[in-house]
Protein backbone atom coordinates (compact mmCIF):
# COMPACT_ATOMS: atom_id res chain seq x y z
CA UNK A 1 118.87 126.53 317.18
CA UNK A 2 116.75 129.35 318.58
CA UNK A 3 116.38 129.82 322.29
CA UNK A 4 113.10 131.72 322.26
CA UNK A 5 110.33 130.25 320.11
CA UNK A 6 107.49 132.78 319.82
CA UNK A 7 103.98 131.46 319.25
CA UNK A 8 102.15 132.06 316.02
CA UNK A 9 98.75 133.73 316.32
CA UNK A 10 97.09 130.37 315.62
CA UNK A 11 99.03 128.65 318.44
CA UNK A 12 98.21 131.53 320.75
CA UNK A 13 94.47 131.13 320.17
CA UNK A 14 94.67 127.54 321.37
CA UNK A 15 96.31 128.66 324.60
CA UNK A 16 93.88 131.43 325.49
CA UNK A 17 91.41 129.12 327.21
CA UNK A 18 94.16 127.85 329.52
CA UNK A 19 95.39 131.42 330.13
CA UNK A 20 91.94 132.37 331.34
CA UNK A 21 91.70 129.32 333.62
CA UNK A 22 95.04 130.11 335.26
CA UNK A 23 94.39 133.84 335.71
CA UNK A 24 90.88 133.17 337.02
CA UNK A 25 92.25 130.73 339.59
CA UNK A 26 94.96 133.19 340.67
CA UNK A 27 92.19 135.76 341.14
CA UNK A 28 90.19 133.29 343.22
CA UNK A 29 93.17 132.53 345.47
CA UNK A 30 94.03 136.19 346.02
CA UNK A 31 90.40 137.10 346.70
CA UNK A 32 90.45 134.42 349.41
CA UNK A 33 93.69 135.91 350.84
CA UNK A 34 95.61 132.84 349.73
CA UNK A 35 99.24 133.53 348.62
CA UNK A 36 100.18 131.80 345.36
CA UNK A 37 102.61 131.83 342.42
CA UNK A 38 102.35 132.41 338.68
CA UNK A 39 104.93 130.75 336.41
CA UNK A 40 105.43 131.49 332.69
CA UNK A 41 107.47 129.55 330.12
CA UNK A 42 109.70 132.18 328.47
CA UNK A 43 112.02 130.01 326.36
CA UNK A 44 113.22 126.53 325.47
CA UNK A 45 116.17 124.72 323.94
CA UNK A 46 115.22 121.83 321.70
CA UNK A 47 111.68 120.56 321.40
CA UNK A 48 109.45 121.23 324.39
CA UNK A 49 106.30 119.60 325.79
CA UNK A 50 104.72 123.05 326.23
CA UNK A 51 105.19 126.19 324.09
CA UNK A 52 106.56 129.57 325.10
CA UNK A 53 103.88 131.53 326.93
CA UNK A 54 102.41 128.54 328.79
CA UNK A 55 101.18 129.40 332.29
CA UNK A 56 100.99 127.59 335.60
CA UNK A 57 99.45 128.74 338.86
CA UNK A 58 99.88 127.04 342.23
CA UNK A 59 99.38 127.70 345.93
CA UNK A 60 101.13 126.47 349.07
CA UNK A 61 98.48 123.78 349.60
CA UNK A 62 99.59 121.98 346.44
CA UNK A 63 96.76 123.05 344.14
CA UNK A 64 97.91 123.50 340.53
CA UNK A 65 96.22 124.92 337.44
CA UNK A 66 97.80 125.03 333.98
CA UNK A 67 101.00 123.31 332.90
CA UNK A 68 104.66 123.99 332.15
CA UNK A 69 105.81 120.62 330.85
CA UNK A 70 103.13 117.99 331.39
CA UNK A 71 105.69 116.05 333.46
CA UNK A 72 107.79 116.17 336.61
CA UNK A 73 108.69 119.87 336.41
CA UNK A 74 105.42 120.90 338.08
CA UNK A 75 105.94 118.70 341.14
CA UNK A 76 109.55 119.80 341.56
CA UNK A 77 108.68 123.45 341.14
CA UNK A 78 105.89 123.27 343.72
CA UNK A 79 108.26 121.59 346.17
CA UNK A 80 110.89 124.31 345.68
CA UNK A 81 108.31 127.07 346.09
CA UNK A 82 106.80 125.63 349.27
CA UNK A 83 110.29 125.18 350.76
CA UNK A 84 111.10 128.82 349.97
CA UNK A 85 113.92 127.99 347.53
CA UNK A 86 112.43 129.97 344.63
CA UNK A 87 110.54 133.27 344.27
CA UNK A 88 110.13 133.63 347.98
CA UNK A 89 109.70 137.40 347.99
CA UNK A 90 110.27 138.57 344.42
CA UNK A 91 109.85 137.29 340.86
CA UNK A 92 112.69 135.04 339.71
CA UNK A 93 114.08 133.58 336.49
CA UNK A 94 114.86 129.85 336.59
CA UNK A 95 116.01 127.14 334.14
CA UNK A 96 115.20 123.42 334.13
CA UNK A 97 117.26 120.86 332.22
CA UNK A 98 120.72 122.44 332.06
CA UNK A 99 122.35 119.01 331.88
CA UNK A 100 121.31 115.83 330.04
CA UNK A 101 120.84 114.18 333.44
CA UNK A 102 118.47 116.89 334.62
CA UNK A 103 116.60 116.86 331.27
CA UNK A 104 115.99 113.14 331.69
CA UNK A 105 114.91 113.60 335.30
CA UNK A 106 112.24 116.12 334.36
CA UNK A 107 111.04 114.41 331.21
CA UNK A 108 112.55 116.96 328.82
CA UNK A 109 114.06 115.95 325.46
CA UNK A 110 117.75 115.03 325.49
CA UNK A 111 119.73 118.25 325.85
CA UNK A 112 116.51 120.24 326.19
CA UNK A 113 115.79 122.91 328.76
CA UNK A 114 112.86 124.94 329.99
CA UNK A 115 113.22 128.58 331.05
CA UNK A 116 110.57 130.09 333.28
CA UNK A 117 109.76 133.21 335.27
CA UNK A 118 108.11 132.57 338.63
CA UNK A 119 106.21 135.36 340.39
CA UNK A 120 104.95 135.32 343.97
CA UNK A 121 101.40 136.66 344.14
CA UNK A 122 100.48 138.03 347.54
CA UNK A 123 96.95 138.93 348.71
CA UNK A 124 97.74 142.64 348.72
CA UNK A 125 95.98 145.49 346.92
CA UNK A 126 98.61 145.91 344.18
CA UNK A 127 98.52 142.22 343.21
CA UNK A 128 94.73 141.98 343.47
CA UNK A 129 94.23 145.07 341.31
CA UNK A 130 96.68 143.79 338.71
CA UNK A 131 94.96 140.39 338.41
CA UNK A 132 91.54 142.13 338.42
CA UNK A 133 92.68 144.05 335.33
CA UNK A 134 93.71 140.84 333.55
CA UNK A 135 90.45 139.07 334.43
CA UNK A 136 88.35 142.01 333.24
CA UNK A 137 90.18 142.11 329.90
CA UNK A 138 89.77 138.38 329.31
CA UNK A 139 86.12 138.54 330.33
CA UNK A 140 85.51 141.36 327.83
CA UNK A 141 87.41 139.50 325.06
CA UNK A 142 90.15 142.14 324.97
CA UNK A 143 93.87 141.63 324.54
CA UNK A 144 96.06 142.90 327.36
CA UNK A 145 99.85 143.22 327.38
CA UNK A 146 101.48 142.46 330.70
CA UNK A 147 105.00 143.72 331.50
CA UNK A 148 106.90 142.38 334.50
CA UNK A 149 110.19 143.99 335.51
CA UNK A 150 112.05 141.63 337.81
CA UNK A 151 114.66 144.27 338.74
CA UNK A 152 112.23 147.01 339.80
CA UNK A 153 109.59 144.52 341.02
CA UNK A 154 106.90 146.22 338.95
CA UNK A 155 103.89 144.88 337.02
CA UNK A 156 101.98 146.83 334.37
CA UNK A 157 98.99 145.78 332.24
CA UNK A 158 97.74 147.77 329.23
CA UNK A 159 95.15 147.05 326.52
CA UNK A 160 96.46 146.25 323.02
CA UNK A 161 94.68 145.65 319.73
CA UNK A 162 95.98 142.16 318.95
CA UNK A 163 98.17 139.30 320.03
CA UNK A 164 101.90 140.04 320.30
CA UNK A 165 104.61 137.36 320.76
CA UNK A 166 106.10 136.97 324.21
CA UNK A 167 109.47 138.66 324.73
CA UNK A 168 112.08 138.22 327.44
CA UNK A 169 114.87 140.79 327.82
CA UNK A 170 117.50 138.96 329.85
CA UNK A 171 119.73 142.00 330.30
CA UNK A 172 116.92 144.15 331.66
CA UNK A 173 115.15 141.20 333.30
CA UNK A 174 111.85 142.19 331.72
CA UNK A 175 109.03 139.88 330.59
CA UNK A 176 106.36 141.12 328.17
CA UNK A 177 103.42 138.78 327.59
CA UNK A 178 100.10 139.34 325.80
CA UNK A 179 97.01 137.56 327.08
CA UNK A 180 93.94 137.26 324.88
CA UNK A 181 90.36 136.05 324.74
CA UNK A 182 89.39 132.40 324.64
CA UNK A 183 88.63 131.18 321.12
CA UNK A 184 84.88 131.58 320.53
CA UNK A 185 82.33 129.71 318.46
CA UNK A 186 79.27 131.87 317.80
CA UNK A 187 76.33 129.80 316.53
CA UNK A 188 73.28 131.42 314.93
CA UNK A 189 70.31 129.15 315.53
CA UNK A 190 69.47 126.66 318.27
CA UNK A 191 68.46 123.68 316.13
CA UNK A 192 69.63 120.07 316.10
CA UNK A 193 72.86 120.63 314.16
CA UNK A 194 73.72 123.44 316.58
CA UNK A 195 73.29 121.12 319.55
CA UNK A 196 75.67 118.54 318.11
CA UNK A 197 78.14 121.24 317.07
CA UNK A 198 78.14 122.88 320.50
CA UNK A 199 78.53 119.50 322.26
CA UNK A 200 81.59 118.64 320.16
CA UNK A 201 83.11 122.13 320.37
CA UNK A 202 83.04 122.11 324.17
CA UNK A 203 85.77 119.45 324.19
CA UNK A 204 87.93 121.70 321.96
CA UNK A 205 87.92 124.50 324.57
CA UNK A 206 85.75 126.93 322.61
CA UNK A 207 83.73 129.53 324.45
CA UNK A 208 80.36 128.85 322.83
CA UNK A 209 77.52 131.31 322.31
CA UNK A 210 74.22 130.27 320.73
CA UNK A 211 72.08 133.13 319.47
CA UNK A 212 68.47 132.75 318.39
CA UNK A 213 65.67 135.34 318.47
CA UNK A 214 63.15 132.49 318.90
CA UNK A 215 62.89 132.02 322.64
CA UNK A 216 61.17 128.63 322.40
CA UNK A 217 64.19 127.25 320.48
CA UNK A 218 66.57 128.34 323.23
CA UNK A 219 64.35 126.77 325.88
CA UNK A 220 64.95 123.35 324.30
CA UNK A 221 68.72 123.80 323.91
CA UNK A 222 70.32 121.47 326.47
CA UNK A 223 74.11 121.67 326.20
CA UNK A 224 76.05 122.49 329.37
CA UNK A 225 78.56 125.33 329.37
CA UNK A 226 76.94 127.24 326.49
CA UNK A 227 75.89 130.90 326.65
CA UNK A 228 72.38 131.40 325.24
CA UNK A 229 71.39 134.77 323.78
CA UNK A 230 67.83 135.62 322.69
CA UNK A 231 68.50 138.47 320.28
CA UNK A 232 68.84 139.25 316.57
CA UNK A 233 72.22 137.86 315.50
CA UNK A 234 73.57 141.07 313.93
CA UNK A 235 73.23 142.93 317.22
CA UNK A 236 74.73 140.05 319.21
CA UNK A 237 77.68 139.61 316.82
CA UNK A 238 78.43 143.32 316.93
CA UNK A 239 78.51 143.19 320.72
CA UNK A 240 80.11 139.80 321.34
CA UNK A 241 81.87 138.21 318.36
CA UNK A 242 83.62 140.80 316.22
CA UNK A 243 87.21 139.86 317.13
CA UNK A 244 89.74 137.68 315.32
CA UNK A 245 89.37 134.88 317.87
CA UNK A 246 85.78 134.16 316.79
CA UNK A 247 84.26 131.66 314.36
CA UNK A 248 80.67 132.45 313.33
CA UNK A 249 78.26 129.92 311.80
CA UNK A 250 74.67 130.46 310.60
CA UNK A 251 72.56 127.31 310.94
CA UNK A 252 68.87 128.27 311.10
CA UNK A 253 67.85 127.69 307.43
CA UNK A 254 65.81 130.89 307.87
CA UNK A 255 67.22 133.70 305.68
CA UNK A 256 65.45 136.32 307.79
CA UNK A 257 67.72 135.30 310.66
CA UNK A 258 70.84 133.93 308.97
CA UNK A 259 71.24 136.76 306.46
CA UNK A 260 71.06 139.43 309.14
CA UNK A 261 73.79 137.68 311.07
CA UNK A 262 75.96 137.08 308.00
CA UNK A 263 75.77 140.71 306.91
CA UNK A 264 77.37 141.70 310.21
CA UNK A 265 79.67 138.69 310.54
CA UNK A 266 81.34 139.31 307.16
CA UNK A 267 82.30 142.82 308.29
CA UNK A 268 84.05 141.58 311.44
CA UNK A 269 87.56 140.23 312.02
CA UNK A 270 86.18 136.72 312.72
CA UNK A 271 88.62 134.13 311.39
CA UNK A 272 85.78 131.96 310.02
CA UNK A 273 82.24 132.69 308.78
CA UNK A 274 80.07 129.86 307.43
CA UNK A 275 76.44 129.16 306.55
CA UNK A 276 74.47 125.93 306.28
CA UNK A 277 72.77 125.04 302.99
CA UNK A 278 73.07 123.26 299.66
CA UNK A 279 74.99 124.61 296.68
CA UNK A 280 71.79 126.08 295.28
CA UNK A 281 70.78 127.58 298.62
CA UNK A 282 74.25 129.06 299.03
CA UNK A 283 74.13 130.60 295.54
CA UNK A 284 70.77 132.21 296.30
CA UNK A 285 72.08 133.47 299.63
CA UNK A 286 75.04 135.17 297.95
CA UNK A 287 72.67 136.90 295.54
CA UNK A 288 70.52 138.17 298.41
CA UNK A 289 73.61 139.43 300.27
CA UNK A 290 74.81 141.26 297.15
CA UNK A 291 71.43 142.99 296.97
CA UNK A 292 71.97 144.00 300.59
CA UNK A 293 75.25 145.66 299.52
CA UNK A 294 77.62 143.06 300.91
CA UNK A 295 80.84 143.47 298.91
CA UNK A 296 82.49 140.75 296.81
CA UNK A 297 85.52 140.82 299.09
CA UNK A 298 83.25 140.17 302.07
CA UNK A 299 81.39 137.39 300.22
CA UNK A 300 84.73 135.71 299.43
CA UNK A 301 85.11 135.13 303.16
CA UNK A 302 81.88 133.12 303.38
CA UNK A 303 82.19 129.33 303.64
CA UNK A 304 78.97 128.09 302.03
CA UNK A 305 78.06 125.31 301.74
CA UNK A 306 79.53 125.06 305.20
CA UNK A 307 81.96 122.33 306.27
CA UNK A 308 84.45 120.05 304.55
CA UNK A 309 82.91 117.90 301.80
CA UNK A 310 83.06 114.56 303.59
CA UNK A 311 79.65 113.33 302.46
CA UNK A 312 77.95 114.31 305.71
CA UNK A 313 74.17 113.82 305.85
CA UNK A 314 73.07 113.49 309.48
CA UNK A 315 73.25 116.34 312.05
CA UNK A 316 76.26 114.88 313.91
CA UNK A 317 78.10 114.28 310.61
CA UNK A 318 77.39 117.86 309.53
CA UNK A 319 78.71 119.10 312.88
CA UNK A 320 81.92 117.10 312.38
CA UNK A 321 82.34 118.58 308.88
CA UNK A 322 81.87 122.13 310.22
CA UNK A 323 84.39 121.68 313.02
CA UNK A 324 86.84 120.08 310.60
CA UNK A 325 86.68 123.07 308.26
CA UNK A 326 86.96 125.58 311.11
CA UNK A 327 90.03 123.73 312.37
CA UNK A 328 91.56 123.66 308.88
CA UNK A 329 90.93 127.37 308.30
CA UNK A 330 92.31 128.20 311.73
CA UNK A 331 95.56 126.44 310.88
CA UNK A 332 95.62 127.82 307.32
CA UNK A 333 95.47 124.31 305.90
CA UNK A 334 92.08 124.09 304.21
CA UNK A 335 93.57 123.40 300.79
CA UNK A 336 95.77 120.69 302.25
CA UNK A 337 92.77 119.12 303.97
CA UNK A 338 90.74 119.15 300.75
CA UNK A 339 93.62 117.62 298.79
CA UNK A 340 93.91 114.83 301.37
CA UNK A 341 90.18 114.14 301.16
CA UNK A 342 90.36 114.04 297.35
CA UNK A 343 93.26 111.60 297.58
CA UNK A 344 91.30 109.39 299.96
CA UNK A 345 88.33 109.42 297.59
CA UNK A 346 90.51 108.55 294.62
CA UNK A 347 92.13 105.73 296.52
């Protein structure tokens, strides 16, 4: 049984939204001269309610953001911190669930344990500057590797190209943790399908951007929490959605807009690129993109017709099919999903 269970890149993407919430809240507390703590799950024995790399932030007033276990650990940890029993002046390593009795008390699986590093964050220049660096990286959709040395009481943050699994060196008492951008859904076109898709994607913690060069279309787009961009999609994708945490979908039905966006999208590291249209429309689109010197390897990345083939007809049904396929691709299980749908149809 392994002690440390590193996240896959797919699992990490799902956590990035929570990372950003926790770091943003820590920044808010420090800016308001409010001392607080940052806790990180660094390892587990047995199954665990939360994966390695999960974050929790809290202050002395009892405010909590993020989660370590989804159970009683948070309350107990806050109580220990407020009483000065843990991480009073320096970062500290701590384990929950050493015994079966303690595992049961804190809602951990039988024999399970949760290992965490807790760091006091004081409203001083060094802490504020460090958290400022993390916030700036997340805001710019960059990955940043954070190294905390418990022995020397140092914190360092540097930009990196991609996600790296969390590591904990017990002998050197050093934690290395990569934070990354929130998973993004970039939608080309502000039509009806886009509105349903954005509404559903909000509940899945996507950062959503809707791009449409037609200003009047954006004026009628009424979904809270969505970033609206009035620009040609190729320029916007190049600036905002070229990383591996992005899914890009073209939904305007206007080749003058969609094709421009797809030409750029297929050259990015986006984990999903899809376009709305029938089989015939999709075939014609591929021919146009070939004429525009899009390579066969790039065209192989295009999901068109977009979405899982679930017989969707209405805008909300199409939105469900699109999100289903994005989710399947993200978890590398598209073929499994299609096989299951075929089995359901045969049954």
